[in-house]
Amino acid sequence: APAAGRDDDTVEIKLSAEKLATTTWYNGRKMLNMRKYFTNAEGRLLPTKKGVTLNPEQWERLTQLLGQIRSSLDSAVSGDLAGN
């Protein structure tokens, strides 16, 4: 059974070979953890210190700004394609 205050709806998304986004519990709150991982000598995937953890309020703020972020990234890609 899940620990007190926790549920079994944890999400893990592989963003690349070494980067994962997961929902985790910390201090009784669900958090989004985006982190770089490495494979140790035994073949286990382990987290590094390189990453960020967002609380629900930070995640909400980020999602509110996704349109602006997408526009900025799209213009950067367009600029790269145009040789800028």
C-alpha atoms as a PDB file:
ATOM      1  CA  ALA A   1       0.000   0.000   0.000  1.00  0.00           C
ATOM      2  CA  PRO A   2       1.194   3.556  -0.652  1.00  0.00           C
ATOM      3  CA  ALA A   3       2.725   5.489   2.238  1.00  0.00           C
ATOM      4  CA  ALA A   4       0.473   7.869   4.155  1.00  0.00           C
ATOM      5  CA  GLY A   5      -0.464  10.888   2.058  1.00  0.00           C
ATOM      6  CA  ARG A   6       0.770   9.245  -1.109  1.00  0.00           C
ATOM      7  CA  ASP A   7      -0.890   7.500  -3.982  1.00  0.00           C
ATOM      8  CA  ASP A   8       0.210   5.224  -6.757  1.00  0.00           C
ATOM      9  CA  ASP A   9      -0.363   7.688  -9.614  1.00  0.00           C
ATOM     10  CA  THR A  10       3.322   8.564  -9.969  1.00  0.00           C
ATOM     11  CA  VAL A  11       4.211   9.623 -13.502  1.00  0.00           C
ATOM     12  CA  GLU A  12       7.615   9.013 -15.071  1.00  0.00           C
ATOM     13  CA  ILE A  13       8.386  10.398 -18.525  1.00  0.00           C
ATOM     14  CA  LYS A  14      11.657   9.715 -20.307  1.00  0.00           C
ATOM     15  CA  LEU A  15      12.626  13.001 -21.975  1.00  0.00           C
ATOM     16  CA  SER A  16      15.884  11.607 -23.379  1.00  0.00           C
ATOM     17  CA  ALA A  17      18.302   8.779 -22.640  1.00  0.00           C
ATOM     18  CA  GLU A  18      19.552  10.583 -19.524  1.00  0.00           C
ATOM     19  CA  LYS A  19      16.689  12.940 -18.591  1.00  0.00           C
ATOM     20  CA  LEU A  20      13.489  12.031 -16.748  1.00  0.00           C
ATOM     21  CA  ALA A  21      10.482  13.975 -15.529  1.00  0.00           C
ATOM     22  CA  THR A  22       8.748  12.345 -12.576  1.00  0.00           C
ATOM     23  CA  THR A  23       6.118  13.246 -10.046  1.00  0.00           C
ATOM     24  CA  THR A  24       7.371  12.619  -6.527  1.00  0.00           C
ATOM     25  CA  TRP A  25       6.330  13.300  -2.957  1.00  0.00           C
ATOM     26  CA  TYR A  26       8.364  15.628  -0.748  1.00  0.00           C
ATOM     27  CA  ASN A  27       7.291  16.891   2.685  1.00  0.00           C
ATOM     28  CA  GLY A  28       3.761  15.671   2.040  1.00  0.00           C
ATOM     29  CA  ARG A  29       3.419  17.512  -1.283  1.00  0.00           C
ATOM     30  CA  LYS A  30       3.438  16.176  -4.834  1.00  0.00           C
ATOM     31  CA  MET A  31       6.245  17.724  -6.866  1.00  0.00           C
ATOM     32  CA  LEU A  32       7.469  17.611 -10.457  1.00  0.00           C
ATOM     33  CA  ASN A  33      11.105  16.547 -10.602  1.00  0.00           C
ATOM     34  CA  MET A  34      13.037  17.003 -13.871  1.00  0.00           C
ATOM     35  CA  ARG A  35      16.513  15.595 -13.549  1.00  0.00           C
ATOM     36  CA  LYS A  36      19.541  14.230 -15.395  1.00  0.00           C
ATOM     37  CA  TYR A  37      20.379  10.600 -14.563  1.00  0.00           C
ATOM     38  CA  PHE A  38      23.402   8.360 -15.045  1.00  0.00           C
ATOM     39  CA  THR A  39      23.887   4.609 -15.182  1.00  0.00           C
ATOM     40  CA  ASN A  40      26.144   3.266 -12.434  1.00  0.00           C
ATOM     41  CA  ALA A  41      28.524   0.284 -12.683  1.00  0.00           C
ATOM     42  CA  GLU A  42      25.696  -2.108 -11.727  1.00  0.00           C
ATOM     43  CA  GLY A  43      23.518  -0.780 -14.548  1.00  0.00           C
ATOM     44  CA  ARG A  44      21.120   1.130 -12.278  1.00  0.00           C
ATOM     45  CA  LEU A  45      19.785   4.501 -13.414  1.00  0.00           C
ATOM     46  CA  LEU A  46      20.494   7.034 -10.643  1.00  0.00           C
ATOM     47  CA  PRO A  47      19.723  10.771 -10.356  1.00  0.00           C
ATOM     48  CA  THR A  48      22.399  13.459 -10.453  1.00  0.00           C
ATOM     49  CA  LYS A  49      22.260  16.849  -8.736  1.00  0.00           C
ATOM     50  CA  LYS A  50      21.555  18.444 -12.126  1.00  0.00           C
ATOM     51  CA  GLY A  51      17.870  19.181 -12.335  1.00  0.00           C
ATOM     52  CA  VAL A  52      14.955  21.108 -10.940  1.00  0.00           C
ATOM     53  CA  THR A  53      11.982  20.339  -8.727  1.00  0.00           C
ATOM     54  CA  LEU A  54       8.791  22.368  -9.087  1.00  0.00           C
ATOM     55  CA  ASN A  55       6.019  22.553  -6.509  1.00  0.00           C
ATOM     56  CA  PRO A  56       2.398  22.686  -7.737  1.00  0.00           C
ATOM     57  CA  GLU A  57       2.322  26.510  -7.699  1.00  0.00           C
ATOM     58  CA  GLN A  58       5.526  26.754  -9.744  1.00  0.00           C
ATOM     59  CA  TRP A  59       4.213  24.149 -12.193  1.00  0.00           C
ATOM     60  CA  GLU A  60       0.968  26.116 -12.576  1.00  0.00           C
ATOM     61  CA  ARG A  61       2.917  29.314 -13.276  1.00  0.00           C
ATOM     62  CA  LEU A  62       5.067  27.538 -15.840  1.00  0.00           C
ATOM     63  CA  THR A  63       2.033  26.103 -17.634  1.00  0.00           C
ATOM     64  CA  GLN A  64       0.482  29.584 -17.751  1.00  0.00           C
ATOM     65  CA  LEU A  65       3.567  30.780 -19.618  1.00  0.00           C
ATOM     66  CA  LEU A  66       3.866  27.864 -22.076  1.00  0.00           C
ATOM     67  CA  GLY A  67       2.553  29.908 -25.002  1.00  0.00           C
ATOM     68  CA  GLN A  68       5.182  32.587 -24.440  1.00  0.00           C
ATOM     69  CA  ILE A  69       7.911  29.961 -24.001  1.00  0.00           C
ATOM     70  CA  ARG A  70       6.801  28.118 -27.145  1.00  0.00           C
ATOM     71  CA  SER A  71       6.882  31.358 -29.174  1.00  0.00           C
ATOM     72  CA  SER A  72      10.375  32.136 -27.955  1.00  0.00           C
ATOM     73  CA  LEU A  73      11.624  28.634 -28.776  1.00  0.00           C
ATOM     74  CA  ASP A  74       9.909  28.657 -32.180  1.00  0.00           C
ATOM     75  CA  SER A  75      11.526  31.975 -33.074  1.00  0.00           C
ATOM     76  CA  ALA A  76      14.909  30.623 -31.945  1.00  0.00           C
ATOM     77  CA  VAL A  77      14.486  27.567 -34.193  1.00  0.00           C
ATOM     78  CA  SER A  78      13.355  29.766 -37.086  1.00  0.00           C
ATOM     79  CA  GLY A  79      16.386  31.997 -36.554  1.00  0.00           C
ATOM     80  CA  ASP A  80      18.691  28.976 -36.497  1.00  0.00           C
ATOM     81  CA  LEU A  81      17.169  27.706 -39.740  1.00  0.00           C
ATOM     82  CA  ALA A  82      17.568  31.130 -41.354  1.00  0.00           C
ATOM     83  CA  GLY A  83      21.254  31.195 -40.418  1.00  0.00           C
ATOM     84  CA  ASN A  84      20.876  33.855 -37.694  1.00  0.00           C
END
